[in-house]
């Protein structure tokens, strides 16, 4: 597989949420605003890339019975860097994302990429895999949060879009997240089935 395909597979073919079905907890919880989605994307992508690279570097010396605890320790280290950095430099974002930054440690996407990919592949491929999966995760968050913020709050990045328009408040609530994500899954499956039939 070429380096480009290694990177791009996380966006569509193996998208963490829409294809593999991982990482729904932060997807549904923090996508009430586009700002939250962008910061969560950056945080998760940073952890994915850094942990994939480090795990790939040490894969030859890590004993099999210590593999999972070692991976969790590595991932937790990078999550701690993100958590403390957001707390120090972006306190409003830190409060807004809350517990979902520390929960990146046990997110199935990060653990899954470490176990399934980084431990078996080169550093470059692991870096591209982490970046691609982070991008795929982030694009899902961004699209979902865009529709939820615009339709549910009549805002974008905190700015009112149409004065006097009554927003559909259900879009900011959990049912709105499930409904929008369901539409995204339907759209992706429809596009994939049409591409396969050609």
Protein backbone atom coordinates (compact mmCIF):
# COMPACT_ATOMS: atom_id res chain seq x y z
CA UNK A 1 0.00 0.00 0.00
CA UNK A 2 1.37 3.42 -0.93
CA UNK A 3 2.03 6.08 1.68
CA UNK A 4 -0.85 8.22 0.35
CA UNK A 5 -3.32 5.32 0.66
CA UNK A 6 -2.01 4.61 4.16
CA UNK A 7 -2.85 8.17 5.14
CA UNK A 8 -6.17 8.58 3.34
CA UNK A 9 -7.72 5.25 4.41
CA UNK A 10 -8.73 6.74 7.79
CA UNK A 11 -10.78 9.44 6.12
CA UNK A 12 -13.17 7.18 4.21
CA UNK A 13 -12.38 3.48 3.79
CA UNK A 14 -11.58 2.83 7.48
CA UNK A 15 -13.12 5.93 9.09
CA UNK A 16 -13.00 5.27 12.87
CA UNK A 17 -16.62 6.22 13.54
CA UNK A 18 -18.54 5.79 10.31
CA UNK A 19 -16.99 2.48 9.19
CA UNK A 20 -15.27 0.86 12.16
CA UNK A 21 -17.79 2.15 14.72
CA UNK A 22 -15.31 3.33 17.39
CA UNK A 23 -15.12 6.49 19.47
CA UNK A 24 -18.82 7.33 19.66
CA UNK A 25 -18.71 8.62 23.24
CA UNK A 26 -16.77 11.85 22.53
CA UNK A 27 -18.38 12.08 19.09
CA UNK A 28 -21.84 12.42 20.56
CA UNK A 29 -20.89 14.38 23.67
CA UNK A 30 -18.62 17.21 22.53
CA UNK A 31 -20.02 18.02 19.09
CA UNK A 32 -22.32 20.77 20.32
CA UNK A 33 -19.92 23.36 18.86
CA UNK A 34 -17.42 23.50 16.02
CA UNK A 35 -14.77 24.87 18.37
CA UNK A 36 -15.03 21.76 20.58
CA UNK A 37 -14.75 19.52 17.53
CA UNK A 38 -11.61 21.26 16.26
CA UNK A 39 -9.84 21.07 19.62
CA UNK A 40 -10.82 17.43 20.10
CA UNK A 41 -9.56 16.67 16.59
CA UNK A 42 -6.19 18.28 17.30
CA UNK A 43 -5.90 16.54 20.66
CA UNK A 44 -6.78 13.08 19.38
CA UNK A 45 -4.64 13.40 16.24
CA UNK A 46 -1.64 14.47 18.34
CA UNK A 47 -2.04 11.47 20.63
CA UNK A 48 -2.59 9.07 17.72
CA UNK A 49 0.45 10.25 15.77
CA UNK A 50 2.84 10.42 18.74
CA UNK A 51 1.78 7.11 20.29
CA UNK A 52 1.81 5.29 16.93
CA UNK A 53 5.33 6.52 16.19
CA UNK A 54 6.70 5.61 19.62
CA UNK A 55 5.02 2.19 19.66
CA UNK A 56 6.38 1.46 16.20
CA UNK A 57 9.87 2.45 17.36
CA UNK A 58 9.84 0.08 20.35
CA UNK A 59 7.85 -2.77 18.81
CA UNK A 60 10.92 -4.99 18.50
CA UNK A 61 11.91 -4.74 22.16
CA UNK A 62 8.49 -4.82 23.85
CA UNK A 63 7.70 -8.21 25.43
CA UNK A 64 4.33 -9.60 24.37
CA UNK A 65 2.99 -9.97 27.94
CA UNK A 66 3.80 -6.30 28.69
CA UNK A 67 2.50 -4.96 25.40
CA UNK A 68 -0.93 -3.61 26.43
CA UNK A 69 0.19 -1.98 29.72
CA UNK A 70 3.09 -0.41 27.85
CA UNK A 71 0.81 0.94 25.13
CA UNK A 72 -1.58 2.41 27.68
CA UNK A 73 1.32 4.07 29.49
CA UNK A 74 2.62 5.60 26.25
CA UNK A 75 -0.84 6.82 25.22
CA UNK A 76 -1.50 8.18 28.74
CA UNK A 77 1.76 10.15 28.60
CA UNK A 78 0.72 11.97 25.43
CA UNK A 79 -2.82 12.49 26.72
CA UNK A 80 -1.37 14.05 29.89
CA UNK A 81 0.69 16.44 27.75
CA UNK A 82 -2.48 17.48 25.89
CA UNK A 83 -4.53 17.73 29.10
CA UNK A 84 -2.00 19.90 30.93
CA UNK A 85 -1.36 22.08 27.86
CA UNK A 86 -5.06 22.78 27.36
CA UNK A 87 -5.48 23.51 31.06
CA UNK A 88 -2.57 25.96 30.98
CA UNK A 89 -3.13 27.70 27.64
CA UNK A 90 -6.80 27.14 26.74
CA UNK A 91 -8.73 26.93 30.04
CA UNK A 92 -12.11 27.58 28.39
CA UNK A 93 -11.55 24.68 25.96
CA UNK A 94 -10.28 22.54 28.82
CA UNK A 95 -13.51 23.13 30.77
CA UNK A 96 -15.67 22.62 27.69
CA UNK A 97 -14.14 19.27 26.70
CA UNK A 98 -14.02 18.12 30.32
CA UNK A 99 -13.47 14.44 30.95
CA UNK A 100 -13.26 13.58 27.25
CA UNK A 101 -9.61 14.63 26.97
CA UNK A 102 -8.40 12.20 29.69
CA UNK A 103 -10.65 9.51 28.18
CA UNK A 104 -8.56 9.54 24.99
CA UNK A 105 -6.33 7.11 26.93
CA UNK A 106 -8.96 4.38 26.74
CA UNK A 107 -10.50 5.44 23.44
CA UNK A 108 -10.79 2.37 21.23
CA UNK A 109 -9.36 4.30 18.28
CA UNK A 110 -6.01 4.99 19.96
CA UNK A 111 -5.69 1.54 21.53
CA UNK A 112 -6.89 -0.14 18.35
CA UNK A 113 -4.35 1.61 16.13
CA UNK A 114 -1.55 0.79 18.58
CA UNK A 115 -2.46 -2.90 18.73
CA UNK A 116 -3.61 -3.43 15.15
CA UNK A 117 -1.21 -1.23 13.22
CA UNK A 118 1.70 0.48 15.00
CA UNK A 119 3.11 -2.70 16.54
CA UNK A 120 3.35 -4.34 13.10
CA UNK A 121 4.48 -1.51 10.81
CA UNK A 122 7.30 0.95 10.20
CA UNK A 123 7.53 4.37 11.80
CA UNK A 124 6.53 6.23 8.61
CA UNK A 125 3.50 4.03 8.00
CA UNK A 126 2.50 4.29 11.67
CA UNK A 127 2.80 8.08 11.54
CA UNK A 128 0.65 8.26 8.40
CA UNK A 129 -1.88 5.84 9.89
CA UNK A 130 -2.17 7.94 13.06
CA UNK A 131 -2.52 11.17 11.09
CA UNK A 132 -5.11 9.66 8.74
CA UNK A 133 -7.18 8.14 11.53
CA UNK A 134 -7.00 11.44 13.43
CA UNK A 135 -8.15 13.28 10.32
CA UNK A 136 -11.01 10.84 9.71
CA UNK A 137 -12.08 11.11 13.34
CA UNK A 138 -11.84 14.89 13.15
CA UNK A 139 -13.79 15.26 9.92
CA UNK A 140 -16.65 13.28 11.40
CA UNK A 141 -16.62 15.51 14.50
CA UNK A 142 -16.44 18.68 12.41
CA UNK A 143 -19.32 17.80 10.07
CA UNK A 144 -21.48 16.60 12.97
CA UNK A 145 -20.77 19.66 15.13
CA UNK A 146 -21.30 22.05 12.20
CA UNK A 147 -24.87 20.85 11.67
CA UNK A 148 -25.60 20.61 15.39
CA UNK A 149 -24.33 24.12 16.15
CA UNK A 150 -25.94 25.78 13.11
CA UNK A 151 -29.32 24.05 13.42
CA UNK A 152 -29.42 23.68 17.20
CA UNK A 153 -28.06 27.05 18.32
CA UNK A 154 -28.23 29.24 15.19
CA UNK A 155 -24.55 29.99 15.80
CA UNK A 156 -21.10 29.26 14.42
CA UNK A 157 -18.06 29.78 16.65
CA UNK A 158 -20.35 31.64 19.04
CA UNK A 159 -21.64 34.13 16.45
CA UNK A 160 -25.37 34.31 15.69
CA UNK A 161 -26.08 33.42 12.06
CA UNK A 162 -29.66 34.57 11.39
CA UNK A 163 -31.18 37.13 13.71
CA UNK A 164 -34.66 36.23 14.90
CA UNK A 165 -34.47 32.62 13.74
CA UNK A 166 -35.59 30.11 16.36
CA UNK A 167 -33.07 27.23 16.50
CA UNK A 168 -34.12 23.59 16.67
CA UNK A 169 -32.93 23.00 20.23
CA UNK A 170 -33.26 19.22 19.87
CA UNK A 171 -30.12 19.30 17.67
CA UNK A 172 -27.97 20.35 20.64
CA UNK A 173 -29.39 17.52 22.75
CA UNK A 174 -28.46 13.82 22.53
CA UNK A 175 -31.30 12.92 20.11
CA UNK A 176 -29.99 15.52 17.66
CA UNK A 177 -26.53 13.98 17.81
CA UNK A 178 -27.89 10.48 17.16
CA UNK A 179 -30.14 11.71 14.35
CA UNK A 180 -27.33 13.62 12.59
CA UNK A 181 -24.84 10.77 13.00
CA UNK A 182 -27.45 8.37 11.61
CA UNK A 183 -27.87 10.58 8.54
CA UNK A 184 -24.09 10.68 8.08
CA UNK A 185 -23.90 6.87 8.30
CA UNK A 186 -26.75 6.55 5.79
CA UNK A 187 -25.07 8.99 3.37
CA UNK A 188 -21.74 7.18 3.59
CA UNK A 189 -23.31 3.74 3.07
CA UNK A 190 -25.33 5.04 0.11
CA UNK A 191 -22.24 6.52 -1.54
CA UNK A 192 -20.23 3.33 -0.94
CA UNK A 193 -22.94 1.05 -2.32
CA UNK A 194 -23.27 3.21 -5.46
CA UNK A 195 -19.53 3.16 -5.97
CA UNK A 196 -19.47 -0.65 -5.60
CA UNK A 197 -22.32 -1.11 -8.08
CA UNK A 198 -20.52 0.86 -10.84
